[in-house]
Amino acid sequence: MKVSKHIKAQIHKAAKLKAEANEIVSEIENYLISKGIDPNMFRGTSNNEGFVAPDYLTDLDYGIDVTDDLVAFLESEFKDF
């Protein structure tokens, strides 16, 4: 099989964009950690108290823009952080 230059370029682009997205999500996770919030709770896993938040970070991994919902959730549920 001969792979076209266009598809080869798309593969490079996908890898680059995924790496950039991972870096950004890591920054978001580090921000949450710095505020004392376990980012895993936004991936459908519970923390020690059994609190489960919506899967906002999982949604971001799939390219779903949940910015407004995530920010509203953080501001209402974690007012004291």
PDB file of N, CA and C in Angstrom:
ATOM      1  N   MET A   1       0.841  -1.181   0.000  1.00  0.00           N
ATOM      2  CA  MET A   1       0.000   0.000   0.000  1.00  0.00           C
ATOM      3  C   MET A   1       0.881   1.236   0.000  1.00  0.00           C
ATOM      4  N   LYS A   2       0.500   2.197  -0.767  1.00  0.00           N
ATOM      5  CA  LYS A   2       1.175   3.490  -0.805  1.00  0.00           C
ATOM      6  C   LYS A   2       0.301   4.494  -0.050  1.00  0.00           C
ATOM      7  N   VAL A   3       0.888   5.094   0.980  1.00  0.00           N
ATOM      8  CA  VAL A   3       0.158   6.081   1.780  1.00  0.00           C
ATOM      9  C   VAL A   3       0.412   7.458   1.177  1.00  0.00           C
ATOM     10  N   SER A   4      -0.668   8.181   0.968  1.00  0.00           N
ATOM     11  CA  SER A   4      -0.542   9.503   0.352  1.00  0.00           C
ATOM     12  C   SER A   4       0.157  10.485   1.286  1.00  0.00           C
ATOM     13  N   LYS A   5       0.748  11.505   0.673  1.00  0.00           N
ATOM     14  CA  LYS A   5       1.401  12.555   1.465  1.00  0.00           C
ATOM     15  C   LYS A   5       0.389  13.256   2.370  1.00  0.00           C
ATOM     16  N   HIS A   6      -0.827  13.412   1.871  1.00  0.00           N
ATOM     17  CA  HIS A   6      -1.872  14.063   2.664  1.00  0.00           C
ATOM     18  C   HIS A   6      -2.163  13.272   3.941  1.00  0.00           C
ATOM     19  N   ILE A   7      -2.321  11.970   3.835  1.00  0.00           N
ATOM     20  CA  ILE A   7      -2.609  11.147   5.010  1.00  0.00           C
ATOM     21  C   ILE A   7      -1.415  11.136   5.946  1.00  0.00           C
ATOM     22  N   LYS A   8      -0.214  11.060   5.397  1.00  0.00           N
ATOM     23  CA  LYS A   8       0.988  11.113   6.233  1.00  0.00           C
ATOM     24  C   LYS A   8       1.023  12.435   7.014  1.00  0.00           C
ATOM     25  N   ALA A   9       0.682  13.536   6.352  1.00  0.00           N
ATOM     26  CA  ALA A   9       0.653  14.842   7.020  1.00  0.00           C
ATOM     27  C   ALA A   9      -0.433  14.866   8.098  1.00  0.00           C
ATOM     28  N   GLN A  10      -1.567  14.238   7.823  1.00  0.00           N
ATOM     29  CA  GLN A  10      -2.649  14.196   8.807  1.00  0.00           C
ATOM     30  C   GLN A  10      -2.250  13.392  10.038  1.00  0.00           C
ATOM     31  N   ILE A  11      -1.501  12.332   9.835  1.00  0.00           N
ATOM     32  CA  ILE A  11      -1.017  11.529  10.966  1.00  0.00           C
ATOM     33  C   ILE A  11      -0.083  12.364  11.833  1.00  0.00           C
ATOM     34  N   HIS A  12       0.827  13.088  11.188  1.00  0.00           N
ATOM     35  CA  HIS A  12       1.725  13.977  11.936  1.00  0.00           C
ATOM     36  C   HIS A  12       0.928  15.032  12.709  1.00  0.00           C
ATOM     37  N   LYS A  13      -0.070  15.603  12.032  1.00  0.00           N
ATOM     38  CA  LYS A  13      -0.892  16.646  12.649  1.00  0.00           C
ATOM     39  C   LYS A  13      -1.667  16.092  13.843  1.00  0.00           C
ATOM     40  N   ALA A  14      -2.249  14.914  13.702  1.00  0.00           N
ATOM     41  CA  ALA A  14      -3.000  14.299  14.799  1.00  0.00           C
ATOM     42  C   ALA A  14      -2.103  14.062  16.010  1.00  0.00           C
ATOM     43  N   ALA A  15      -0.894  13.570  15.766  1.00  0.00           N
ATOM     44  CA  ALA A  15       0.042  13.319  16.868  1.00  0.00           C
ATOM     45  C   ALA A  15       0.414  14.622  17.566  1.00  0.00           C
ATOM     46  N   LYS A  16       0.677  15.653  16.781  1.00  0.00           N
ATOM     47  CA  LYS A  16       1.059  16.943  17.354  1.00  0.00           C
ATOM     48  C   LYS A  16      -0.087  17.541  18.179  1.00  0.00           C
ATOM     49  N   LEU A  17      -1.294  17.509  17.633  1.00  0.00           N
ATOM     50  CA  LEU A  17      -2.437  18.075  18.343  1.00  0.00           C
ATOM     51  C   LEU A  17      -2.748  17.303  19.621  1.00  0.00           C
ATOM     52  N   LYS A  18      -2.640  15.978  19.562  1.00  0.00           N
ATOM     53  CA  LYS A  18      -2.891  15.159  20.758  1.00  0.00           C
ATOM     54  C   LYS A  18      -1.862  15.473  21.840  1.00  0.00           C
ATOM     55  N   ALA A  19      -0.592  15.637  21.451  1.00  0.00           N
ATOM     56  CA  ALA A  19       0.451  15.982  22.421  1.00  0.00           C
ATOM     57  C   ALA A  19       0.175  17.345  23.055  1.00  0.00           C
ATOM     58  N   GLU A  20      -0.252  18.305  22.239  1.00  0.00           N
ATOM     59  CA  GLU A  20      -0.583  19.629  22.761  1.00  0.00           C
ATOM     60  C   GLU A  20      -1.781  19.557  23.708  1.00  0.00           C
ATOM     61  N   ALA A  21      -2.783  18.782  23.339  1.00  0.00           N
ATOM     62  CA  ALA A  21      -3.961  18.630  24.192  1.00  0.00           C
ATOM     63  C   ALA A  21      -3.584  17.986  25.527  1.00  0.00           C
ATOM     64  N   ASN A  22      -2.730  16.968  25.480  1.00  0.00           N
ATOM     65  CA  ASN A  22      -2.292  16.313  26.721  1.00  0.00           C
ATOM     66  C   ASN A  22      -1.579  17.304  27.635  1.00  0.00           C
ATOM     67  N   GLU A  23      -0.775  18.167  27.053  1.00  0.00           N
ATOM     68  CA  GLU A  23      -0.053  19.175  27.834  1.00  0.00           C
ATOM     69  C   GLU A  23      -1.027  20.151  28.499  1.00  0.00           C
ATOM     70  N   ILE A  24      -2.049  20.557  27.774  1.00  0.00           N
ATOM     71  CA  ILE A  24      -3.036  21.486  28.305  1.00  0.00           C
ATOM     72  C   ILE A  24      -3.857  20.833  29.416  1.00  0.00           C
ATOM     73  N   VAL A  25      -4.284  19.599  29.203  1.00  0.00           N
ATOM     74  CA  VAL A  25      -5.056  18.891  30.233  1.00  0.00           C
ATOM     75  C   VAL A  25      -4.206  18.694  31.483  1.00  0.00           C
ATOM     76  N   SER A  26      -2.922  18.436  31.299  1.00  0.00           N
ATOM     77  CA  SER A  26      -2.017  18.305  32.443  1.00  0.00           C
ATOM     78  C   SER A  26      -1.955  19.611  33.233  1.00  0.00           C
ATOM     79  N   GLU A  27      -1.952  20.727  32.532  1.00  0.00           N
ATOM     80  CA  GLU A  27      -1.949  22.029  33.203  1.00  0.00           C
ATOM     81  C   GLU A  27      -3.246  22.224  34.006  1.00  0.00           C
ATOM     82  N   ILE A  28      -4.374  21.821  33.432  1.00  0.00           N
ATOM     83  CA  ILE A  28      -5.654  21.910  34.132  1.00  0.00           C
ATOM     84  C   ILE A  28      -5.632  21.021  35.381  1.00  0.00           C
ATOM     85  N   GLU A  29      -5.142  19.796  35.219  1.00  0.00           N
ATOM     86  CA  GLU A  29      -5.060  18.875  36.354  1.00  0.00           C
ATOM     87  C   GLU A  29      -4.158  19.434  37.450  1.00  0.00           C
ATOM     88  N   ASN A  30      -3.021  20.001  37.075  1.00  0.00           N
ATOM     89  CA  ASN A  30      -2.103  20.590  38.063  1.00  0.00           C
ATOM     90  C   ASN A  30      -2.747  21.767  38.782  1.00  0.00           C
ATOM     91  N   TYR A  31      -3.547  22.545  38.069  1.00  0.00           N
ATOM     92  CA  TYR A  31      -4.273  23.655  38.701  1.00  0.00           C
ATOM     93  C   TYR A  31      -5.231  23.115  39.761  1.00  0.00           C
ATOM     94  N   LEU A  32      -5.996  22.084  39.397  1.00  0.00           N
ATOM     95  CA  LEU A  32      -6.932  21.499  40.351  1.00  0.00           C
ATOM     96  C   LEU A  32      -6.197  20.952  41.567  1.00  0.00           C
ATOM     97  N   ILE A  33      -5.093  20.255  41.334  1.00  0.00           N
ATOM     98  CA  ILE A  33      -4.286  19.709  42.438  1.00  0.00           C
ATOM     99  C   ILE A  33      -3.798  20.833  43.347  1.00  0.00           C
ATOM    100  N   SER A  34      -3.360  21.943  42.744  1.00  0.00           N
ATOM    101  CA  SER A  34      -2.857  23.068  43.547  1.00  0.00           C
ATOM    102  C   SER A  34      -3.948  23.657  44.425  1.00  0.00           C
ATOM    103  N   LYS A  35      -5.210  23.465  44.039  1.00  0.00           N
ATOM    104  CA  LYS A  35      -6.346  23.949  44.828  1.00  0.00           C
ATOM    105  C   LYS A  35      -6.860  22.887  45.797  1.00  0.00           C
ATOM    106  N   GLY A  36      -6.196  21.725  45.824  1.00  0.00           N
ATOM    107  CA  GLY A  36      -6.600  20.660  46.727  1.00  0.00           C
ATOM    108  C   GLY A  36      -7.730  19.789  46.191  1.00  0.00           C
ATOM    109  N   ILE A  37      -7.923  19.800  44.888  1.00  0.00           N
ATOM    110  CA  ILE A  37      -8.992  19.036  44.245  1.00  0.00           C
ATOM    111  C   ILE A  37      -8.366  17.903  43.444  1.00  0.00           C
ATOM    112  N   ASP A  38      -8.862  16.686  43.648  1.00  0.00           N
ATOM    113  CA  ASP A  38      -8.360  15.521  42.926  1.00  0.00           C
ATOM    114  C   ASP A  38      -8.951  15.511  41.510  1.00  0.00           C
ATOM    115  N   PRO A  39      -8.133  15.687  40.479  1.00  0.00           N
ATOM    116  CA  PRO A  39      -8.674  15.714  39.121  1.00  0.00           C
ATOM    117  C   PRO A  39      -9.285  14.385  38.681  1.00  0.00           C
ATOM    118  N   ASN A  40      -8.932  13.304  39.339  1.00  0.00           N
ATOM    119  CA  ASN A  40      -9.502  12.006  38.976  1.00  0.00           C
ATOM    120  C   ASN A  40     -11.006  11.962  39.185  1.00  0.00           C
ATOM    121  N   MET A  41     -11.521  12.817  40.062  1.00  0.00           N
ATOM    122  CA  MET A  41     -12.967  12.824  40.283  1.00  0.00           C
ATOM    123  C   MET A  41     -13.704  13.326  39.045  1.00  0.00           C
ATOM    124  N   PHE A  42     -12.987  13.961  38.129  1.00  0.00           N
ATOM    125  CA  PHE A  42     -13.593  14.445  36.889  1.00  0.00           C
ATOM    126  C   PHE A  42     -13.381  13.460  35.745  1.00  0.00           C
ATOM    127  N   ARG A  43     -12.989  12.255  36.102  1.00  0.00           N
ATOM    128  CA  ARG A  43     -12.839  11.170  35.138  1.00  0.00           C
ATOM    129  C   ARG A  43     -13.722   9.988  35.541  1.00  0.00           C
ATOM    130  N   GLY A  44     -14.725  10.247  36.353  1.00  0.00           N
ATOM    131  CA  GLY A  44     -15.673   9.201  36.725  1.00  0.00           C
ATOM    132  C   GLY A  44     -15.231   8.324  37.874  1.00  0.00           C
ATOM    133  N   THR A  45     -14.116   8.672  38.510  1.00  0.00           N
ATOM    134  CA  THR A  45     -13.664   7.908  39.676  1.00  0.00           C
ATOM    135  C   THR A  45     -13.956   8.718  40.921  1.00  0.00           C
ATOM    136  N   SER A  46     -14.225   8.068  42.004  1.00  0.00           N
ATOM    137  CA  SER A  46     -14.609   8.773  43.226  1.00  0.00           C
ATOM    138  C   SER A  46     -13.393   9.065  44.093  1.00  0.00           C
ATOM    139  N   ASN A  47     -13.531  10.077  44.924  1.00  0.00           N
ATOM    140  CA  ASN A  47     -12.487  10.362  45.897  1.00  0.00           C
ATOM    141  C   ASN A  47     -12.788   9.607  47.187  1.00  0.00           C
ATOM    142  N   ASN A  48     -12.068   9.910  48.235  1.00  0.00           N
ATOM    143  CA  ASN A  48     -12.204   9.176  49.498  1.00  0.00           C
ATOM    144  C   ASN A  48     -13.604   9.257  50.099  1.00  0.00           C
ATOM    145  N   GLU A  49     -14.327  10.345  49.861  1.00  0.00           N
ATOM    146  CA  GLU A  49     -15.664  10.485  50.432  1.00  0.00           C
ATOM    147  C   GLU A  49     -16.739   9.882  49.536  1.00  0.00           C
ATOM    148  N   GLY A  50     -16.361   9.330  48.402  1.00  0.00           N
ATOM    149  CA  GLY A  50     -17.323   8.734  47.498  1.00  0.00           C
ATOM    150  C   GLY A  50     -18.009   9.730  46.576  1.00  0.00           C
ATOM    151  N   PHE A  51     -17.565  10.988  46.607  1.00  0.00           N
ATOM    152  CA  PHE A  51     -18.132  12.029  45.746  1.00  0.00           C
ATOM    153  C   PHE A  51     -17.715  11.766  44.303  1.00  0.00           C
ATOM    154  N   VAL A  52     -18.671  11.751  43.406  1.00  0.00           N
ATOM    155  CA  VAL A  52     -18.358  11.559  41.995  1.00  0.00           C
ATOM    156  C   VAL A  52     -18.868  12.765  41.222  1.00  0.00           C
ATOM    157  N   ALA A  53     -17.965  13.412  40.511  1.00  0.00           N
ATOM    158  CA  ALA A  53     -18.324  14.561  39.686  1.00  0.00           C
ATOM    159  C   ALA A  53     -18.586  14.075  38.261  1.00  0.00           C
ATOM    160  N   PRO A  54     -19.202  14.916  37.450  1.00  0.00           N
ATOM    161  CA  PRO A  54     -19.351  14.558  36.036  1.00  0.00           C
ATOM    162  C   PRO A  54     -17.985  14.329  35.388  1.00  0.00           C
ATOM    163  N   ASP A  55     -17.973  13.577  34.312  1.00  0.00           N
ATOM    164  CA  ASP A  55     -16.718  13.185  33.643  1.00  0.00           C
ATOM    165  C   ASP A  55     -16.167  14.289  32.737  1.00  0.00           C
ATOM    166  N   TYR A  56     -15.999  15.470  33.286  1.00  0.00           N
ATOM    167  CA  TYR A  56     -15.578  16.604  32.474  1.00  0.00           C
ATOM    168  C   TYR A  56     -14.233  16.379  31.777  1.00  0.00           C
ATOM    169  N   LEU A  57     -13.246  15.860  32.485  1.00  0.00           N
ATOM    170  CA  LEU A  57     -11.936  15.666  31.859  1.00  0.00           C
ATOM    171  C   LEU A  57     -11.968  14.551  30.821  1.00  0.00           C
ATOM    172  N   THR A  58     -12.792  13.554  31.038  1.00  0.00           N
ATOM    173  CA  THR A  58     -12.971  12.513  30.031  1.00  0.00           C
ATOM    174  C   THR A  58     -13.589  13.127  28.780  1.00  0.00           C
ATOM    175  N   ASP A  59     -14.588  13.980  28.978  1.00  0.00           N
ATOM    176  CA  ASP A  59     -15.205  14.650  27.835  1.00  0.00           C
ATOM    177  C   ASP A  59     -14.181  15.482  27.068  1.00  0.00           C
ATOM    178  N   LEU A  60     -13.326  16.199  27.788  1.00  0.00           N
ATOM    179  CA  LEU A  60     -12.277  16.978  27.116  1.00  0.00           C
ATOM    180  C   LEU A  60     -11.366  16.079  26.287  1.00  0.00           C
ATOM    181  N   ASP A  61     -11.049  14.894  26.813  1.00  0.00           N
ATOM    182  CA  ASP A  61     -10.212  13.952  26.068  1.00  0.00           C
ATOM    183  C   ASP A  61     -10.843  13.588  24.730  1.00  0.00           C
ATOM    184  N   TYR A  62     -12.161  13.616  24.666  1.00  0.00           N
ATOM    185  CA  TYR A  62     -12.879  13.285  23.432  1.00  0.00           C
ATOM    186  C   TYR A  62     -13.198  14.514  22.587  1.00  0.00           C
ATOM    187  N   GLY A  63     -12.686  15.664  22.999  1.00  0.00           N
ATOM    188  CA  GLY A  63     -12.879  16.880  22.215  1.00  0.00           C
ATOM    189  C   GLY A  63     -14.206  17.573  22.446  1.00  0.00           C
ATOM    190  N   ILE A  64     -14.884  17.223  23.520  1.00  0.00           N
ATOM    191  CA  ILE A  64     -16.166  17.854  23.846  1.00  0.00           C
ATOM    192  C   ILE A  64     -15.893  19.084  24.703  1.00  0.00           C
ATOM    193  N   ASP A  65     -16.349  20.240  24.256  1.00  0.00           N
ATOM    194  CA  ASP A  65     -16.097  21.479  24.992  1.00  0.00           C
ATOM    195  C   ASP A  65     -17.078  21.600  26.155  1.00  0.00           C
ATOM    196  N   VAL A  66     -16.576  21.314  27.330  1.00  0.00           N
ATOM    197  CA  VAL A  66     -17.381  21.364  28.549  1.00  0.00           C
ATOM    198  C   VAL A  66     -16.957  22.531  29.446  1.00  0.00           C
ATOM    199  N   THR A  67     -16.312  23.507  28.852  1.00  0.00           N
ATOM    200  CA  THR A  67     -15.753  24.624  29.620  1.00  0.00           C
ATOM    201  C   THR A  67     -16.774  25.264  30.544  1.00  0.00           C
ATOM    202  N   ASP A  68     -17.903  25.692  29.986  1.00  0.00           N
ATOM    203  CA  ASP A  68     -18.898  26.412  30.800  1.00  0.00           C
ATOM    204  C   ASP A  68     -19.428  25.533  31.924  1.00  0.00           C
ATOM    205  N   ASP A  69     -19.712  24.272  31.609  1.00  0.00           N
ATOM    206  CA  ASP A  69     -20.233  23.364  32.638  1.00  0.00           C
ATOM    207  C   ASP A  69     -19.200  23.084  33.719  1.00  0.00           C
ATOM    208  N   LEU A  70     -17.956  22.851  33.320  1.00  0.00           N
ATOM    209  CA  LEU A  70     -16.898  22.559  34.289  1.00  0.00           C
ATOM    210  C   LEU A  70     -16.646  23.758  35.190  1.00  0.00           C
ATOM    211  N   VAL A  71     -16.542  24.931  34.604  1.00  0.00           N
ATOM    212  CA  VAL A  71     -16.296  26.141  35.402  1.00  0.00           C
ATOM    213  C   VAL A  71     -17.455  26.390  36.361  1.00  0.00           C
ATOM    214  N   ALA A  72     -18.676  26.257  35.888  1.00  0.00           N
ATOM    215  CA  ALA A  72     -19.839  26.450  36.760  1.00  0.00           C
ATOM    216  C   ALA A  72     -19.834  25.429  37.894  1.00  0.00           C
ATOM    217  N   PHE A  73     -19.504  24.189  37.583  1.00  0.00           N
ATOM    218  CA  PHE A  73     -19.456  23.148  38.604  1.00  0.00           C
ATOM    219  C   PHE A  73     -18.389  23.469  39.648  1.00  0.00           C
ATOM    220  N   LEU A  74     -17.198  23.829  39.204  1.00  0.00           N
ATOM    221  CA  LEU A  74     -16.112  24.150  40.136  1.00  0.00           C
ATOM    222  C   LEU A  74     -16.490  25.332  41.027  1.00  0.00           C
ATOM    223  N   GLU A  75     -17.054  26.364  40.418  1.00  0.00           N
ATOM    224  CA  GLU A  75     -17.391  27.562  41.182  1.00  0.00           C
ATOM    225  C   GLU A  75     -18.531  27.327  42.170  1.00  0.00           C
ATOM    226  N   SER A  76     -19.421  26.384  41.879  1.00  0.00           N
ATOM    227  CA  SER A  76     -20.524  26.138  42.818  1.00  0.00           C
ATOM    228  C   SER A  76     -20.177  25.088  43.862  1.00  0.00           C
ATOM    229  N   GLU A  77     -19.474  24.047  43.467  1.00  0.00           N
ATOM    230  CA  GLU A  77     -19.173  22.940  44.378  1.00  0.00           C
ATOM    231  C   GLU A  77     -17.920  23.152  45.228  1.00  0.00           C
ATOM    232  N   PHE A  78     -17.021  24.004  44.777  1.00  0.00           N
ATOM    233  CA  PHE A  78     -15.740  24.186  45.468  1.00  0.00           C
ATOM    234  C   PHE A  78     -15.509  25.667  45.793  1.00  0.00           C
ATOM    235  N   LYS A  79     -16.533  26.319  46.305  1.00  0.00           N
ATOM    236  CA  LYS A  79     -16.454  27.750  46.627  1.00  0.00           C
ATOM    237  C   LYS A  79     -15.322  28.084  47.582  1.00  0.00           C
ATOM    238  N   ASP A  80     -15.037  27.173  48.494  1.00  0.00           N
ATOM    239  CA  ASP A  80     -14.083  27.456  49.563  1.00  0.00           C
ATOM    240  C   ASP A  80     -12.655  27.027  49.233  1.00  0.00           C
ATOM    241  N   PHE A  81     -12.402  26.604  48.024  1.00  0.00           N
ATOM    242  CA  PHE A  81     -11.062  26.108  47.677  1.00  0.00           C
ATOM    243  C   PHE A  81     -10.180  27.199  47.151  1.00  0.00           C
TER     244      PHE A  81
END
